[in-house]
Amino acid sequence: MPSGRAVLYAVREKGVDNLWVQPLDGSARRQLTHFTSEKIGGYEYSKDGTRLAVGRGHADSDAILLRNIPH
Protein backbone atom coordinates (compact mmCIF):
# COMPACT_ATOMS: atom_id res chain seq x y z
CA MET A 1 0.00 0.00 0.00
CA PRO A 2 1.22 3.53 -0.64
CA SER A 3 1.64 4.29 3.08
CA GLY A 4 4.14 1.45 3.44
CA ARG A 5 2.31 0.25 6.57
CA ALA A 6 0.50 -2.69 4.97
CA VAL A 7 0.67 -5.15 2.10
CA LEU A 8 -2.13 -5.54 -0.43
CA TYR A 9 -2.53 -8.97 -2.03
CA ALA A 10 -5.06 -11.13 -3.88
CA VAL A 11 -6.47 -14.40 -2.55
CA ARG A 12 -8.33 -16.91 -4.74
CA GLU A 13 -10.96 -19.00 -2.94
CA LYS A 14 -13.30 -21.31 -4.88
CA GLY A 15 -12.28 -19.64 -8.16
CA VAL A 16 -13.06 -16.10 -6.98
CA ASP A 17 -10.37 -13.49 -6.31
CA ASN A 18 -10.57 -10.83 -3.62
CA LEU A 19 -8.09 -8.29 -2.27
CA TRP A 20 -6.84 -8.40 1.29
CA VAL A 21 -4.77 -5.98 3.35
CA GLN A 22 -2.20 -7.21 5.88
CA PRO A 23 -0.85 -4.51 8.22
CA LEU A 24 2.88 -4.82 8.85
CA ASP A 25 2.40 -4.25 12.59
CA GLY A 26 1.11 -7.83 12.93
CA SER A 27 -2.54 -6.95 13.43
CA ALA A 28 -5.26 -8.99 11.71
CA ARG A 29 -5.64 -8.92 7.95
CA ARG A 30 -8.87 -7.57 6.51
CA GLN A 31 -10.73 -8.27 3.31
CA LEU A 32 -10.87 -5.18 1.08
CA THR A 33 -13.14 -6.48 -1.69
CA HIS A 34 -16.10 -8.84 -1.54
CA PHE A 35 -16.46 -10.05 -5.12
CA THR A 36 -18.61 -13.13 -5.69
CA SER A 37 -17.34 -14.06 -9.16
CA GLU A 38 -14.48 -13.57 -11.63
CA LYS A 39 -10.74 -13.30 -11.24
CA ILE A 40 -8.55 -10.26 -10.62
CA GLY A 41 -6.21 -9.60 -13.53
CA GLY A 42 -4.32 -6.79 -11.85
CA TYR A 43 -4.54 -3.94 -9.39
CA GLU A 44 -2.65 -0.71 -8.82
CA TYR A 45 -2.89 2.40 -6.68
CA SER A 46 -3.08 5.86 -8.18
CA LYS A 47 0.10 7.94 -7.89
CA ASP A 48 -1.33 9.92 -4.98
CA GLY A 49 -2.44 6.71 -3.23
CA THR A 50 -6.08 7.73 -2.89
CA ARG A 51 -7.61 5.34 -5.44
CA LEU A 52 -7.21 1.71 -6.36
CA ALA A 53 -7.84 0.39 -9.88
CA VAL A 54 -8.80 -3.28 -10.18
CA GLY A 55 -9.02 -5.19 -13.45
CA ARG A 56 -11.36 -8.19 -13.31
CA GLY A 57 -12.67 -10.77 -15.73
CA HIS A 58 -12.72 -14.41 -16.62
CA ALA A 59 -10.42 -16.55 -18.69
CA ASP A 60 -11.60 -19.05 -21.23
CA SER A 61 -9.18 -21.43 -22.85
CA ASP A 62 -9.50 -24.01 -25.58
CA ALA A 63 -7.12 -26.66 -26.83
CA ILE A 64 -7.33 -27.34 -30.56
CA LEU A 65 -5.47 -30.11 -32.35
CA LEU A 66 -4.95 -29.64 -36.09
CA ARG A 67 -3.85 -32.65 -38.14
CA ASN A 68 -2.88 -33.16 -41.75
CA ILE A 69 -2.67 -29.50 -42.56
CA PRO A 70 -1.94 -29.01 -46.29
CA HIS A 71 1.24 -27.08 -47.05
C-alpha atoms as a PDB file:
ATOM      1  CA  MET A   1       0.000   0.000   0.000  1.00  0.00           C
ATOM      2  CA  PRO A   2       1.216   3.528  -0.639  1.00  0.00           C
ATOM      3  CA  SER A   3       1.641   4.286   3.077  1.00  0.00           C
ATOM      4  CA  GLY A   4       4.141   1.449   3.443  1.00  0.00           C
ATOM      5  CA  ARG A   5       2.313   0.247   6.572  1.00  0.00           C
ATOM      6  CA  ALA A   6       0.502  -2.686   4.970  1.00  0.00           C
ATOM      7  CA  VAL A   7       0.674  -5.154   2.100  1.00  0.00           C
ATOM      8  CA  LEU A   8      -2.134  -5.538  -0.427  1.00  0.00           C
ATOM      9  CA  TYR A   9      -2.533  -8.971  -2.031  1.00  0.00           C
ATOM     10  CA  ALA A  10      -5.061 -11.133  -3.878  1.00  0.00           C
ATOM     11  CA  VAL A  11      -6.472 -14.405  -2.551  1.00  0.00           C
ATOM     12  CA  ARG A  12      -8.334 -16.913  -4.737  1.00  0.00           C
ATOM     13  CA  GLU A  13     -10.959 -18.997  -2.945  1.00  0.00           C
ATOM     14  CA  LYS A  14     -13.297 -21.308  -4.880  1.00  0.00           C
ATOM     15  CA  GLY A  15     -12.284 -19.641  -8.157  1.00  0.00           C
ATOM     16  CA  VAL A  16     -13.055 -16.096  -6.978  1.00  0.00           C
ATOM     17  CA  ASP A  17     -10.366 -13.486  -6.305  1.00  0.00           C
ATOM     18  CA  ASN A  18     -10.566 -10.828  -3.615  1.00  0.00           C
ATOM     19  CA  LEU A  19      -8.091  -8.294  -2.274  1.00  0.00           C
ATOM     20  CA  TRP A  20      -6.843  -8.403   1.288  1.00  0.00           C
ATOM     21  CA  VAL A  21      -4.770  -5.977   3.354  1.00  0.00           C
ATOM     22  CA  GLN A  22      -2.201  -7.210   5.880  1.00  0.00           C
ATOM     23  CA  PRO A  23      -0.853  -4.507   8.223  1.00  0.00           C
ATOM     24  CA  LEU A  24       2.879  -4.823   8.852  1.00  0.00           C
ATOM     25  CA  ASP A  25       2.395  -4.248  12.587  1.00  0.00           C
ATOM     26  CA  GLY A  26       1.113  -7.826  12.930  1.00  0.00           C
ATOM     27  CA  SER A  27      -2.542  -6.949  13.429  1.00  0.00           C
ATOM     28  CA  ALA A  28      -5.256  -8.985  11.713  1.00  0.00           C
ATOM     29  CA  ARG A  29      -5.636  -8.924   7.951  1.00  0.00           C
ATOM     30  CA  ARG A  30      -8.866  -7.565   6.509  1.00  0.00           C
ATOM     31  CA  GLN A  31     -10.732  -8.268   3.311  1.00  0.00           C
ATOM     32  CA  LEU A  32     -10.867  -5.183   1.084  1.00  0.00           C
ATOM     33  CA  THR A  33     -13.143  -6.480  -1.694  1.00  0.00           C
ATOM     34  CA  HIS A  34     -16.097  -8.845  -1.537  1.00  0.00           C
ATOM     35  CA  PHE A  35     -16.460 -10.048  -5.117  1.00  0.00           C
ATOM     36  CA  THR A  36     -18.613 -13.129  -5.691  1.00  0.00           C
ATOM     37  CA  SER A  37     -17.336 -14.061  -9.156  1.00  0.00           C
ATOM     38  CA  GLU A  38     -14.479 -13.569 -11.626  1.00  0.00           C
ATOM     39  CA  LYS A  39     -10.741 -13.304 -11.239  1.00  0.00           C
ATOM     40  CA  ILE A  40      -8.547 -10.261 -10.619  1.00  0.00           C
ATOM     41  CA  GLY A  41      -6.207  -9.603 -13.531  1.00  0.00           C
ATOM     42  CA  GLY A  42      -4.316  -6.789 -11.851  1.00  0.00           C
ATOM     43  CA  TYR A  43      -4.545  -3.936  -9.389  1.00  0.00           C
ATOM     44  CA  GLU A  44      -2.654  -0.712  -8.819  1.00  0.00           C
ATOM     45  CA  TYR A  45      -2.891   2.396  -6.675  1.00  0.00           C
ATOM     46  CA  SER A  46      -3.077   5.857  -8.181  1.00  0.00           C
ATOM     47  CA  LYS A  47       0.099   7.936  -7.895  1.00  0.00           C
ATOM     48  CA  ASP A  48      -1.328   9.916  -4.978  1.00  0.00           C
ATOM     49  CA  GLY A  49      -2.435   6.709  -3.234  1.00  0.00           C
ATOM     50  CA  THR A  50      -6.079   7.730  -2.886  1.00  0.00           C
ATOM     51  CA  ARG A  51      -7.609   5.341  -5.444  1.00  0.00           C
ATOM     52  CA  LEU A  52      -7.210   1.713  -6.363  1.00  0.00           C
ATOM     53  CA  ALA A  53      -7.835   0.391  -9.877  1.00  0.00           C
ATOM     54  CA  VAL A  54      -8.796  -3.276 -10.178  1.00  0.00           C
ATOM     55  CA  GLY A  55      -9.021  -5.189 -13.455  1.00  0.00           C
ATOM     56  CA  ARG A  56     -11.365  -8.189 -13.308  1.00  0.00           C
ATOM     57  CA  GLY A  57     -12.666 -10.770 -15.732  1.00  0.00           C
ATOM     58  CA  HIS A  58     -12.723 -14.411 -16.615  1.00  0.00           C
ATOM     59  CA  ALA A  59     -10.422 -16.555 -18.686  1.00  0.00           C
ATOM     60  CA  ASP A  60     -11.601 -19.053 -21.234  1.00  0.00           C
ATOM     61  CA  SER A  61      -9.185 -21.428 -22.854  1.00  0.00           C
ATOM     62  CA  ASP A  62      -9.498 -24.006 -25.575  1.00  0.00           C
ATOM     63  CA  ALA A  63      -7.120 -26.657 -26.830  1.00  0.00           C
ATOM     64  CA  ILE A  64      -7.330 -27.335 -30.559  1.00  0.00           C
ATOM     65  CA  LEU A  65      -5.465 -30.107 -32.350  1.00  0.00           C
ATOM     66  CA  LEU A  66      -4.949 -29.639 -36.087  1.00  0.00           C
ATOM     67  CA  ARG A  67      -3.847 -32.655 -38.136  1.00  0.00           C
ATOM     68  CA  ASN A  68      -2.885 -33.163 -41.746  1.00  0.00           C
ATOM     69  CA  ILE A  69      -2.672 -29.495 -42.556  1.00  0.00           C
ATOM     70  CA  PRO A  70      -1.940 -29.010 -46.286  1.00  0.00           C
ATOM     71  CA  HIS A  71       1.237 -27.076 -47.052  1.00  0.00           C
END
